[in-house]
Amino acid sequence: AEQLSRGVELEEALRRSIDALDGVFTYLLSTADGIGMASDRLAIKP
């Protein structure tokens, strides 16, 4: 959300999170305009 508030597009913010977050994750993030998802590079969480 902080990135979105600075004008970063949702797709780019999600992509950045893949490098910024350390661990195993698959998340769904929703805004008024839609839903995005991102997963780590192992994609353990289905």
ModelCIF file with pLDDT and N, C-alpha, C, O atoms, coordinates in Angstrom:
data_MODEL
#
_entry.id   MODEL 
#
_entity.id                         1 
_entity.type                       polymer 
_entity.pdbx_number_of_molecules   1 
#
_entity_poly.entity_id                      1 
_entity_poly.type                           'polypeptide(L)' 
_entity_poly.nstd_linkage                   no 
_entity_poly.nstd_monomer                   no 
_entity_poly.pdbx_seq_one_letter_code       AEQLSRGVELEEALRRSIDALDGVFTYLLSTADGIGMASDRLAIKP 
_entity_poly.pdbx_seq_one_letter_code_can   AEQLSRGVELEEALRRSIDALDGVFTYLLSTADGIGMASDRLAIKP 
_entity_poly.pdbx_strand_id                 A 
#
loop_
_entity_poly_seq.entity_id 
_entity_poly_seq.num 
_entity_poly_seq.mon_id 
_entity_poly_seq.hetero 
1 1  ALA n 
1 2  GLU n 
1 3  GLN n 
1 4  LEU n 
1 5  SER n 
1 6  ARG n 
1 7  GLY n 
1 8  VAL n 
1 9  GLU n 
1 10 LEU n 
1 11 GLU n 
1 12 GLU n 
1 13 ALA n 
1 14 LEU n 
1 15 ARG n 
1 16 ARG n 
1 17 SER n 
1 18 ILE n 
1 19 ASP n 
1 20 ALA n 
1 21 LEU n 
1 22 ASP n 
1 23 GLY n 
1 24 VAL n 
1 25 PHE n 
1 26 THR n 
1 27 TYR n 
1 28 LEU n 
1 29 LEU n 
1 30 SER n 
1 31 THR n 
1 32 ALA n 
1 33 ASP n 
1 34 GLY n 
1 35 ILE n 
1 36 GLY n 
1 37 MET n 
1 38 ALA n 
1 39 SER n 
1 40 ASP n 
1 41 ARG n 
1 42 LEU n 
1 43 ALA n 
1 44 ILE n 
1 45 LYS n 
1 46 PRO n 
#
_struct_asym.id          A 
_struct_asym.entity_id   1 
#
loop_
_ma_qa_metric.id 
_ma_qa_metric.mode 
_ma_qa_metric.name 
_ma_qa_metric.software_group_id 
_ma_qa_metric.type 
1 global pLDDT . pLDDT 
2 local  pLDDT . pLDDT 
#
_ma_qa_metric_global.metric_id      1 
_ma_qa_metric_global.metric_value   96.02 
_ma_qa_metric_global.model_id       1 
_ma_qa_metric_global.ordinal_id     1 
#
loop_
_ma_qa_metric_local.label_asym_id 
_ma_qa_metric_local.label_comp_id 
_ma_qa_metric_local.label_seq_id 
_ma_qa_metric_local.metric_id 
_ma_qa_metric_local.metric_value 
_ma_qa_metric_local.model_id 
_ma_qa_metric_local.ordinal_id 
A ALA 1  2 98.00 1 1  
A GLU 2  2 98.00 1 2  
A GLN 3  2 97.00 1 3  
A LEU 4  2 98.00 1 4  
A SER 5  2 97.00 1 5  
A ARG 6  2 97.00 1 6  
A GLY 7  2 98.00 1 7  
A VAL 8  2 98.00 1 8  
A GLU 9  2 97.00 1 9  
A LEU 10 2 98.00 1 10 
A GLU 11 2 97.00 1 11 
A GLU 12 2 98.00 1 12 
A ALA 13 2 98.00 1 13 
A LEU 14 2 98.00 1 14 
A ARG 15 2 97.00 1 15 
A ARG 16 2 98.00 1 16 
A SER 17 2 98.00 1 17 
A ILE 18 2 97.00 1 18 
A ASP 19 2 96.00 1 19 
A ALA 20 2 97.00 1 20 
A LEU 21 2 97.00 1 21 
A ASP 22 2 96.00 1 22 
A GLY 23 2 94.00 1 23 
A VAL 24 2 93.00 1 24 
A PHE 25 2 95.00 1 25 
A THR 26 2 96.00 1 26 
A TYR 27 2 97.00 1 27 
A LEU 28 2 98.00 1 28 
A LEU 29 2 98.00 1 29 
A SER 30 2 98.00 1 30 
A THR 31 2 98.00 1 31 
A ALA 32 2 97.00 1 32 
A ASP 33 2 96.00 1 33 
A GLY 34 2 97.00 1 34 
A ILE 35 2 98.00 1 35 
A GLY 36 2 98.00 1 36 
A MET 37 2 98.00 1 37 
A ALA 38 2 97.00 1 38 
A SER 39 2 96.00 1 39 
A ASP 40 2 95.00 1 40 
A ARG 41 2 93.00 1 41 
A LEU 42 2 90.00 1 42 
A ALA 43 2 81.00 1 43 
A ILE 44 2 87.00 1 44 
A LYS 45 2 91.00 1 45 
A PRO 46 2 93.00 1 46 
#
loop_
_atom_site.group_PDB 
_atom_site.id 
_atom_site.type_symbol 
_atom_site.label_atom_id 
_atom_site.label_alt_id 
_atom_site.label_comp_id 
_atom_site.label_asym_id 
_atom_site.label_entity_id 
_atom_site.label_seq_id 
_atom_site.pdbx_PDB_ins_code 
_atom_site.Cartn_x 
_atom_site.Cartn_y 
_atom_site.Cartn_z 
_atom_site.occupancy 
_atom_site.B_iso_or_equiv 
_atom_site.pdbx_formal_charge 
_atom_site.auth_seq_id 
_atom_site.auth_comp_id 
_atom_site.auth_asym_id 
_atom_site.auth_atom_id 
_atom_site.pdbx_PDB_model_num 
ATOM 1   N N  . ALA A 1 1  ? 0.820   -1.213  0.000   1.00 98.00 ? 1  ALA A N  1 
ATOM 2   C CA . ALA A 1 1  ? 0.000   0.000   0.000   1.00 98.00 ? 1  ALA A CA 1 
ATOM 3   C C  . ALA A 1 1  ? 0.852   1.262   0.000   1.00 98.00 ? 1  ALA A C  1 
ATOM 4   O O  . ALA A 1 1  ? 0.502   2.251   -0.643  1.00 98.00 ? 1  ALA A O  1 
ATOM 5   N N  . GLU A 1 2  ? 1.970   1.228   0.719   1.00 98.00 ? 2  GLU A N  1 
ATOM 6   C CA . GLU A 1 2  ? 2.847   2.404   0.739   1.00 98.00 ? 2  GLU A CA 1 
ATOM 7   C C  . GLU A 1 2  ? 3.375   2.683   -0.663  1.00 98.00 ? 2  GLU A C  1 
ATOM 8   O O  . GLU A 1 2  ? 3.449   3.840   -1.078  1.00 98.00 ? 2  GLU A O  1 
ATOM 9   N N  . GLN A 1 3  ? 3.740   1.640   -1.393  1.00 97.00 ? 3  GLN A N  1 
ATOM 10  C CA . GLN A 1 3  ? 4.213   1.845   -2.760  1.00 97.00 ? 3  GLN A CA 1 
ATOM 11  C C  . GLN A 1 3  ? 3.102   2.385   -3.664  1.00 97.00 ? 3  GLN A C  1 
ATOM 12  O O  . GLN A 1 3  ? 3.337   3.277   -4.479  1.00 97.00 ? 3  GLN A O  1 
ATOM 13  N N  . LEU A 1 4  ? 1.908   1.847   -3.516  1.00 98.00 ? 4  LEU A N  1 
ATOM 14  C CA . LEU A 1 4  ? 0.788   2.347   -4.313  1.00 98.00 ? 4  LEU A CA 1 
ATOM 15  C C  . LEU A 1 4  ? 0.554   3.827   -4.046  1.00 98.00 ? 4  LEU A C  1 
ATOM 16  O O  . LEU A 1 4  ? 0.239   4.583   -4.965  1.00 98.00 ? 4  LEU A O  1 
ATOM 17  N N  . SER A 1 5  ? 0.709   4.247   -2.782  1.00 97.00 ? 5  SER A N  1 
ATOM 18  C CA . SER A 1 5  ? 0.492   5.656   -2.423  1.00 97.00 ? 5  SER A CA 1 
ATOM 19  C C  . SER A 1 5  ? 1.531   6.568   -3.072  1.00 97.00 ? 5  SER A C  1 
ATOM 20  O O  . SER A 1 5  ? 1.307   7.771   -3.204  1.00 97.00 ? 5  SER A O  1 
ATOM 21  N N  . ARG A 1 6  ? 2.662   6.001   -3.476  1.00 97.00 ? 6  ARG A N  1 
ATOM 22  C CA . ARG A 1 6  ? 3.719   6.772   -4.134  1.00 97.00 ? 6  ARG A CA 1 
ATOM 23  C C  . ARG A 1 6  ? 3.599   6.737   -5.648  1.00 97.00 ? 6  ARG A C  1 
ATOM 24  O O  . ARG A 1 6  ? 4.444   7.291   -6.351  1.00 97.00 ? 6  ARG A O  1 
ATOM 25  N N  . GLY A 1 7  ? 2.559   6.092   -6.154  1.00 98.00 ? 7  GLY A N  1 
ATOM 26  C CA . GLY A 1 7  ? 2.330   6.057   -7.591  1.00 98.00 ? 7  GLY A CA 1 
ATOM 27  C C  . GLY A 1 7  ? 2.848   4.831   -8.303  1.00 98.00 ? 7  GLY A C  1 
ATOM 28  O O  . GLY A 1 7  ? 2.764   4.751   -9.528  1.00 98.00 ? 7  GLY A O  1 
ATOM 29  N N  . VAL A 1 8  ? 3.387   3.860   -7.558  1.00 98.00 ? 8  VAL A N  1 
ATOM 30  C CA . VAL A 1 8  ? 3.845   2.614   -8.167  1.00 98.00 ? 8  VAL A CA 1 
ATOM 31  C C  . VAL A 1 8  ? 2.630   1.782   -8.581  1.00 98.00 ? 8  VAL A C  1 
ATOM 32  O O  . VAL A 1 8  ? 1.673   1.659   -7.816  1.00 98.00 ? 8  VAL A O  1 
ATOM 33  N N  . GLU A 1 9  ? 2.664   1.219   -9.772  1.00 97.00 ? 9  GLU A N  1 
ATOM 34  C CA . GLU A 1 9  ? 1.570   0.370   -10.228 1.00 97.00 ? 9  GLU A CA 1 
ATOM 35  C C  . GLU A 1 9  ? 1.531   -0.920  -9.405  1.00 97.00 ? 9  GLU A C  1 
ATOM 36  O O  . GLU A 1 9  ? 2.562   -1.405  -8.940  1.00 97.00 ? 9  GLU A O  1 
ATOM 37  N N  . LEU A 1 10 ? 0.322   -1.468  -9.235  1.00 98.00 ? 10 LEU A N  1 
ATOM 38  C CA . LEU A 1 10 ? 0.166   -2.664  -8.409  1.00 98.00 ? 10 LEU A CA 1 
ATOM 39  C C  . LEU A 1 10 ? 1.040   -3.811  -8.912  1.00 98.00 ? 10 LEU A C  1 
ATOM 40  O O  . LEU A 1 10 ? 1.688   -4.488  -8.114  1.00 98.00 ? 10 LEU A O  1 
ATOM 41  N N  . GLU A 1 11 ? 1.064   -4.030  -10.201 1.00 97.00 ? 11 GLU A N  1 
ATOM 42  C CA . GLU A 1 11 ? 1.855   -5.135  -10.752 1.00 97.00 ? 11 GLU A CA 1 
ATOM 43  C C  . GLU A 1 11 ? 3.330   -5.000  -10.376 1.00 97.00 ? 11 GLU A C  1 
ATOM 44  O O  . GLU A 1 11 ? 3.976   -5.980  -10.006 1.00 97.00 ? 11 GLU A O  1 
ATOM 45  N N  . GLU A 1 12 ? 3.853   -3.783  -10.475 1.00 98.00 ? 12 GLU A N  1 
ATOM 46  C CA . GLU A 1 12 ? 5.253   -3.548  -10.144 1.00 98.00 ? 12 GLU A CA 1 
ATOM 47  C C  . GLU A 1 12 ? 5.498   -3.711  -8.643  1.00 98.00 ? 12 GLU A C  1 
ATOM 48  O O  . GLU A 1 12 ? 6.522   -4.262  -8.240  1.00 98.00 ? 12 GLU A O  1 
ATOM 49  N N  . ALA A 1 13 ? 4.570   -3.237  -7.818  1.00 98.00 ? 13 ALA A N  1 
ATOM 50  C CA . ALA A 1 13 ? 4.720   -3.389  -6.367  1.00 98.00 ? 13 ALA A CA 1 
ATOM 51  C C  . ALA A 1 13 ? 4.732   -4.859  -5.969  1.00 98.00 ? 13 ALA A C  1 
ATOM 52  O O  . ALA A 1 13 ? 5.512   -5.267  -5.108  1.00 98.00 ? 13 ALA A O  1 
ATOM 53  N N  . LEU A 1 14 ? 3.873   -5.648  -6.589  1.00 98.00 ? 14 LEU A N  1 
ATOM 54  C CA . LEU A 1 14 ? 3.848   -7.083  -6.317  1.00 98.00 ? 14 LEU A CA 1 
ATOM 55  C C  . LEU A 1 14 ? 5.163   -7.728  -6.742  1.00 98.00 ? 14 LEU A C  1 
ATOM 56  O O  . LEU A 1 14 ? 5.708   -8.571  -6.029  1.00 98.00 ? 14 LEU A O  1 
ATOM 57  N N  . ARG A 1 15 ? 5.663   -7.330  -7.901  1.00 97.00 ? 15 ARG A N  1 
ATOM 58  C CA . ARG A 1 15 ? 6.916   -7.905  -8.392  1.00 97.00 ? 15 ARG A CA 1 
ATOM 59  C C  . ARG A 1 15 ? 8.069   -7.575  -7.444  1.00 97.00 ? 15 ARG A C  1 
ATOM 60  O O  . ARG A 1 15 ? 8.914   -8.425  -7.166  1.00 97.00 ? 15 ARG A O  1 
ATOM 61  N N  . ARG A 1 16 ? 8.097   -6.352  -6.958  1.00 98.00 ? 16 ARG A N  1 
ATOM 62  C CA . ARG A 1 16 ? 9.156   -5.951  -6.029  1.00 98.00 ? 16 ARG A CA 1 
ATOM 63  C C  . ARG A 1 16 ? 9.116   -6.776  -4.745  1.00 98.00 ? 16 ARG A C  1 
ATOM 64  O O  . ARG A 1 16 ? 10.152  -7.080  -4.154  1.00 98.00 ? 16 ARG A O  1 
ATOM 65  N N  . SER A 1 17 ? 7.903   -7.131  -4.326  1.00 98.00 ? 17 SER A N  1 
ATOM 66  C CA . SER A 1 17 ? 7.775   -7.869  -3.065  1.00 98.00 ? 17 SER A CA 1 
ATOM 67  C C  . SER A 1 17 ? 8.434   -9.234  -3.127  1.00 98.00 ? 17 SER A C  1 
ATOM 68  O O  . SER A 1 17 ? 8.871   -9.753  -2.099  1.00 98.00 ? 17 SER A O  1 
ATOM 69  N N  . ILE A 1 18 ? 8.513   -9.823  -4.304  1.00 97.00 ? 18 ILE A N  1 
ATOM 70  C CA . ILE A 1 18 ? 9.115   -11.148 -4.442  1.00 97.00 ? 18 ILE A CA 1 
ATOM 71  C C  . ILE A 1 18 ? 10.580  -11.116 -4.012  1.00 97.00 ? 18 ILE A C  1 
ATOM 72  O O  . ILE A 1 18 ? 11.087  -12.080 -3.438  1.00 97.00 ? 18 ILE A O  1 
ATOM 73  N N  . ASP A 1 19 ? 11.255  -10.005 -4.294  1.00 96.00 ? 19 ASP A N  1 
ATOM 74  C CA . ASP A 1 19 ? 12.642  -9.847  -3.863  1.00 96.00 ? 19 ASP A CA 1 
ATOM 75  C C  . ASP A 1 19 ? 12.742  -9.333  -2.430  1.00 96.00 ? 19 ASP A C  1 
ATOM 76  O O  . ASP A 1 19 ? 13.670  -9.694  -1.705  1.00 96.00 ? 19 ASP A O  1 
ATOM 77  N N  . ALA A 1 20 ? 11.797  -8.494  -2.017  1.00 97.00 ? 20 ALA A N  1 
ATOM 78  C CA . ALA A 1 20 ? 11.888  -7.856  -0.698  1.00 97.00 ? 20 ALA A CA 1 
ATOM 79  C C  . ALA A 1 20 ? 11.503  -8.790  0.438   1.00 97.00 ? 20 ALA A C  1 
ATOM 80  O O  . ALA A 1 20 ? 12.007  -8.643  1.551   1.00 97.00 ? 20 ALA A O  1 
ATOM 81  N N  . LEU A 1 21 ? 10.618  -9.749  0.179   1.00 97.00 ? 21 LEU A N  1 
ATOM 82  C CA . LEU A 1 21 ? 10.128  -10.638 1.225   1.00 97.00 ? 21 LEU A CA 1 
ATOM 83  C C  . LEU A 1 21 ? 10.970  -11.909 1.275   1.00 97.00 ? 21 LEU A C  1 
ATOM 84  O O  . LEU A 1 21 ? 11.277  -12.510 0.245   1.00 97.00 ? 21 LEU A O  1 
ATOM 85  N N  . ASP A 1 22 ? 11.329  -12.300 2.473   1.00 96.00 ? 22 ASP A N  1 
ATOM 86  C CA . ASP A 1 22 ? 12.136  -13.501 2.662   1.00 96.00 ? 22 ASP A CA 1 
ATOM 87  C C  . ASP A 1 22 ? 11.284  -14.548 3.366   1.00 96.00 ? 22 ASP A C  1 
ATOM 88  O O  . ASP A 1 22 ? 10.772  -14.301 4.458   1.00 96.00 ? 22 ASP A O  1 
ATOM 89  N N  . GLY A 1 23 ? 11.132  -15.697 2.756   1.00 94.00 ? 23 GLY A N  1 
ATOM 90  C CA . GLY A 1 23 ? 10.330  -16.759 3.346   1.00 94.00 ? 23 GLY A CA 1 
ATOM 91  C C  . GLY A 1 23 ? 9.539   -17.484 2.283   1.00 94.00 ? 23 GLY A C  1 
ATOM 92  O O  . GLY A 1 23 ? 9.842   -17.395 1.093   1.00 94.00 ? 23 GLY A O  1 
ATOM 93  N N  . VAL A 1 24 ? 8.518   -18.205 2.724   1.00 93.00 ? 24 VAL A N  1 
ATOM 94  C CA . VAL A 1 24 ? 7.604   -18.871 1.797   1.00 93.00 ? 24 VAL A CA 1 
ATOM 95  C C  . VAL A 1 24 ? 6.268   -18.150 1.864   1.00 93.00 ? 24 VAL A C  1 
ATOM 96  O O  . VAL A 1 24 ? 5.753   -17.895 2.953   1.00 93.00 ? 24 VAL A O  1 
ATOM 97  N N  . PHE A 1 25 ? 5.708   -17.823 0.720   1.00 95.00 ? 25 PHE A N  1 
ATOM 98  C CA . PHE A 1 25 ? 4.475   -17.040 0.726   1.00 95.00 ? 25 PHE A CA 1 
ATOM 99  C C  . PHE A 1 25 ? 3.745   -17.148 -0.608  1.00 95.00 ? 25 PHE A C  1 
ATOM 100 O O  . PHE A 1 25 ? 4.360   -17.202 -1.673  1.00 95.00 ? 25 PHE A O  1 
ATOM 101 N N  . THR A 1 26 ? 2.452   -17.177 -0.522  1.00 96.00 ? 26 THR A N  1 
ATOM 102 C CA . THR A 1 26 ? 1.554   -16.876 -1.624  1.00 96.00 ? 26 THR A CA 1 
ATOM 103 C C  . THR A 1 26 ? 0.475   -15.997 -1.026  1.00 96.00 ? 26 THR A C  1 
ATOM 104 O O  . THR A 1 26 ? -0.243  -16.418 -0.119  1.00 96.00 ? 26 THR A O  1 
ATOM 105 N N  . TYR A 1 27 ? 0.357   -14.793 -1.522  1.00 97.00 ? 27 TYR A N  1 
ATOM 106 C CA . TYR A 1 27 ? -0.636  -13.888 -0.941  1.00 97.00 ? 27 TYR A CA 1 
ATOM 107 C C  . TYR A 1 27 ? -1.535  -13.297 -2.015  1.00 97.00 ? 27 TYR A C  1 
ATOM 108 O O  . TYR A 1 27 ? -1.158  -13.184 -3.181  1.00 97.00 ? 27 TYR A O  1 
ATOM 109 N N  . LEU A 1 28 ? -2.726  -12.928 -1.589  1.00 98.00 ? 28 LEU A N  1 
ATOM 110 C CA . LEU A 1 28 ? -3.687  -12.223 -2.423  1.00 98.00 ? 28 LEU A CA 1 
ATOM 111 C C  . LEU A 1 28 ? -3.857  -10.828 -1.841  1.00 98.00 ? 28 LEU A C  1 
ATOM 112 O O  . LEU A 1 28 ? -4.161  -10.683 -0.657  1.00 98.00 ? 28 LEU A O  1 
ATOM 113 N N  . LEU A 1 29 ? -3.665  -9.808  -2.655  1.00 98.00 ? 29 LEU A N  1 
ATOM 114 C CA . LEU A 1 29 ? -3.831  -8.436  -2.206  1.00 98.00 ? 29 LEU A CA 1 
ATOM 115 C C  . LEU A 1 29 ? -4.908  -7.769  -3.044  1.00 98.00 ? 29 LEU A C  1 
ATOM 116 O O  . LEU A 1 29 ? -4.852  -7.777  -4.274  1.00 98.00 ? 29 LEU A O  1 
ATOM 117 N N  . SER A 1 30 ? -5.885  -7.193  -2.366  1.00 98.00 ? 30 SER A N  1 
ATOM 118 C CA . SER A 1 30 ? -7.014  -6.587  -3.062  1.00 98.00 ? 30 SER A CA 1 
ATOM 119 C C  . SER A 1 30 ? -7.004  -5.075  -2.896  1.00 98.00 ? 30 SER A C  1 
ATOM 120 O O  . SER A 1 30 ? -6.603  -4.547  -1.859  1.00 98.00 ? 30 SER A O  1 
ATOM 121 N N  . THR A 1 31 ? -7.454  -4.394  -3.940  1.00 98.00 ? 31 THR A N  1 
ATOM 122 C CA . THR A 1 31 ? -7.673  -2.953  -3.919  1.00 98.00 ? 31 THR A CA 1 
ATOM 123 C C  . THR A 1 31 ? -9.069  -2.706  -4.485  1.00 98.00 ? 31 THR A C  1 
ATOM 124 O O  . THR A 1 31 ? -9.773  -3.646  -4.853  1.00 98.00 ? 31 THR A O  1 
ATOM 125 N N  . ALA A 1 32 ? -9.464  -1.436  -4.550  1.00 97.00 ? 32 ALA A N  1 
ATOM 126 C CA . ALA A 1 32 ? -10.759 -1.113  -5.140  1.00 97.00 ? 32 ALA A CA 1 
ATOM 127 C C  . ALA A 1 32 ? -10.808 -1.485  -6.616  1.00 97.00 ? 32 ALA A C  1 
ATOM 128 O O  . ALA A 1 32 ? -11.890 -1.623  -7.187  1.00 97.00 ? 32 ALA A O  1 
ATOM 129 N N  . ASP A 1 33 ? -9.642  -1.648  -7.238  1.00 96.00 ? 33 ASP A N  1 
ATOM 130 C CA . ASP A 1 33 ? -9.587  -1.893  -8.678  1.00 96.00 ? 33 ASP A CA 1 
ATOM 131 C C  . ASP A 1 33 ? -9.421  -3.353  -9.066  1.00 96.00 ? 33 ASP A C  1 
ATOM 132 O O  . ASP A 1 33 ? -9.525  -3.688  -10.246 1.00 96.00 ? 33 ASP A O  1 
ATOM 133 N N  . GLY A 1 34 ? -9.163  -4.235  -8.093  1.00 97.00 ? 34 GLY A N  1 
ATOM 134 C CA . GLY A 1 34 ? -9.009  -5.637  -8.448  1.00 97.00 ? 34 GLY A CA 1 
ATOM 135 C C  . GLY A 1 34 ? -8.225  -6.417  -7.414  1.00 97.00 ? 34 GLY A C  1 
ATOM 136 O O  . GLY A 1 34 ? -8.109  -6.007  -6.259  1.00 97.00 ? 34 GLY A O  1 
ATOM 137 N N  . ILE A 1 35 ? -7.687  -7.549  -7.847  1.00 98.00 ? 35 ILE A N  1 
ATOM 138 C CA . ILE A 1 35 ? -6.945  -8.458  -6.977  1.00 98.00 ? 35 ILE A CA 1 
ATOM 139 C C  . ILE A 1 35 ? -5.608  -8.792  -7.629  1.00 98.00 ? 35 ILE A C  1 
ATOM 140 O O  . ILE A 1 35 ? -5.538  -9.054  -8.830  1.00 98.00 ? 35 ILE A O  1 
ATOM 141 N N  . GLY A 1 36 ? -4.554  -8.780  -6.825  1.00 98.00 ? 36 GLY A N  1 
ATOM 142 C CA . GLY A 1 36 ? -3.252  -9.206  -7.285  1.00 98.00 ? 36 GLY A CA 1 
ATOM 143 C C  . GLY A 1 36 ? -2.741  -10.352 -6.433  1.00 98.00 ? 36 GLY A C  1 
ATOM 144 O O  . GLY A 1 36 ? -3.216  -10.555 -5.316  1.00 98.00 ? 36 GLY A O  1 
ATOM 145 N N  . MET A 1 37 ? -1.788  -11.095 -6.944  1.00 98.00 ? 37 MET A N  1 
ATOM 146 C CA . MET A 1 37 ? -1.157  -12.151 -6.155  1.00 98.00 ? 37 MET A CA 1 
ATOM 147 C C  . MET A 1 37 ? 0.333   -12.163 -6.436  1.00 98.00 ? 37 MET A C  1 
ATOM 148 O O  . MET A 1 37 ? 0.795   -11.725 -7.490  1.00 98.00 ? 37 MET A O  1 
ATOM 149 N N  . ALA A 1 38 ? 1.069   -12.676 -5.463  1.00 97.00 ? 38 ALA A N  1 
ATOM 150 C CA . ALA A 1 38 ? 2.502   -12.900 -5.648  1.00 97.00 ? 38 ALA A CA 1 
ATOM 151 C C  . ALA A 1 38 ? 2.895   -14.127 -4.858  1.00 97.00 ? 38 ALA A C  1 
ATOM 152 O O  . ALA A 1 38 ? 2.331   -14.409 -3.801  1.00 97.00 ? 38 ALA A O  1 
ATOM 153 N N  . SER A 1 39 ? 3.868   -14.856 -5.381  1.00 96.00 ? 39 SER A N  1 
ATOM 154 C CA . SER A 1 39 ? 4.373   -16.033 -4.690  1.00 96.00 ? 39 SER A CA 1 
ATOM 155 C C  . SER A 1 39 ? 5.894   -16.018 -4.724  1.00 96.00 ? 39 SER A C  1 
ATOM 156 O O  . SER A 1 39 ? 6.506   -15.406 -5.599  1.00 96.00 ? 39 SER A O  1 
ATOM 157 N N  . ASP A 1 40 ? 6.492   -16.704 -3.755  1.00 95.00 ? 40 ASP A N  1 
ATOM 158 C CA . ASP A 1 40 ? 7.944   -16.790 -3.719  1.00 95.00 ? 40 ASP A CA 1 
ATOM 159 C C  . ASP A 1 40 ? 8.445   -17.697 -4.853  1.00 95.00 ? 40 ASP A C  1 
ATOM 160 O O  . ASP A 1 40 ? 7.648   -18.301 -5.570  1.00 95.00 ? 40 ASP A O  1 
ATOM 161 N N  . ARG A 1 41 ? 9.740   -17.783 -5.002  1.00 93.00 ? 41 ARG A N  1 
ATOM 162 C CA . ARG A 1 41 ? 10.303  -18.498 -6.154  1.00 93.00 ? 41 ARG A CA 1 
ATOM 163 C C  . ARG A 1 41 ? 10.267  -20.010 -6.014  1.00 93.00 ? 41 ARG A C  1 
ATOM 164 O O  . ARG A 1 41 ? 10.624  -20.720 -6.954  1.00 93.00 ? 41 ARG A O  1 
ATOM 165 N N  . LEU A 1 42 ? 9.850   -20.514 -4.876  1.00 90.00 ? 42 LEU A N  1 
ATOM 166 C CA . LEU A 1 42 ? 9.657   -21.955 -4.728  1.00 90.00 ? 42 LEU A CA 1 
ATOM 167 C C  . LEU A 1 42 ? 8.184   -22.339 -4.867  1.00 90.00 ? 42 LEU A C  1 
ATOM 168 O O  . LEU A 1 42 ? 7.855   -23.485 -5.170  1.00 90.00 ? 42 LEU A O  1 
ATOM 169 N N  . ALA A 1 43 ? 7.296   -21.350 -4.637  1.00 81.00 ? 43 ALA A N  1 
ATOM 170 C CA . ALA A 1 43 ? 5.847   -21.567 -4.763  1.00 81.00 ? 43 ALA A CA 1 
ATOM 171 C C  . ALA A 1 43 ? 5.379   -22.783 -3.971  1.00 81.00 ? 43 ALA A C  1 
ATOM 172 O O  . ALA A 1 43 ? 4.633   -23.620 -4.480  1.00 81.00 ? 43 ALA A O  1 
ATOM 173 N N  . ILE A 1 44 ? 5.822   -22.871 -2.727  1.00 87.00 ? 44 ILE A N  1 
ATOM 174 C CA . ILE A 1 44 ? 5.424   -23.996 -1.874  1.00 87.00 ? 44 ILE A CA 1 
ATOM 175 C C  . ILE A 1 44 ? 3.947   -23.900 -1.502  1.00 87.00 ? 44 ILE A C  1 
ATOM 176 O O  . ILE A 1 44 ? 3.264   -24.917 -1.387  1.00 87.00 ? 44 ILE A O  1 
ATOM 177 N N  . LYS A 1 45 ? 3.456   -22.675 -1.315  1.00 91.00 ? 45 LYS A N  1 
ATOM 178 C CA . LYS A 1 45 ? 2.058   -22.476 -0.938  1.00 91.00 ? 45 LYS A CA 1 
ATOM 179 C C  . LYS A 1 45 ? 1.205   -22.409 -2.198  1.00 91.00 ? 45 LYS A C  1 
ATOM 180 O O  . LYS A 1 45 ? 1.428   -21.538 -3.040  1.00 91.00 ? 45 LYS A O  1 
ATOM 181 N N  . PRO A 1 46 ? 0.232   -23.306 -2.348  1.00 93.00 ? 46 PRO A N  1 
ATOM 182 C CA . PRO A 1 46 ? -0.460  -23.446 -3.629  1.00 93.00 ? 46 PRO A CA 1 
ATOM 183 C C  . PRO A 1 46 ? -1.522  -22.375 -3.882  1.00 93.00 ? 46 PRO A C  1 
ATOM 184 O O  . PRO A 1 46 ? -2.174  -22.386 -4.926  1.00 93.00 ? 46 PRO A O  1 
#
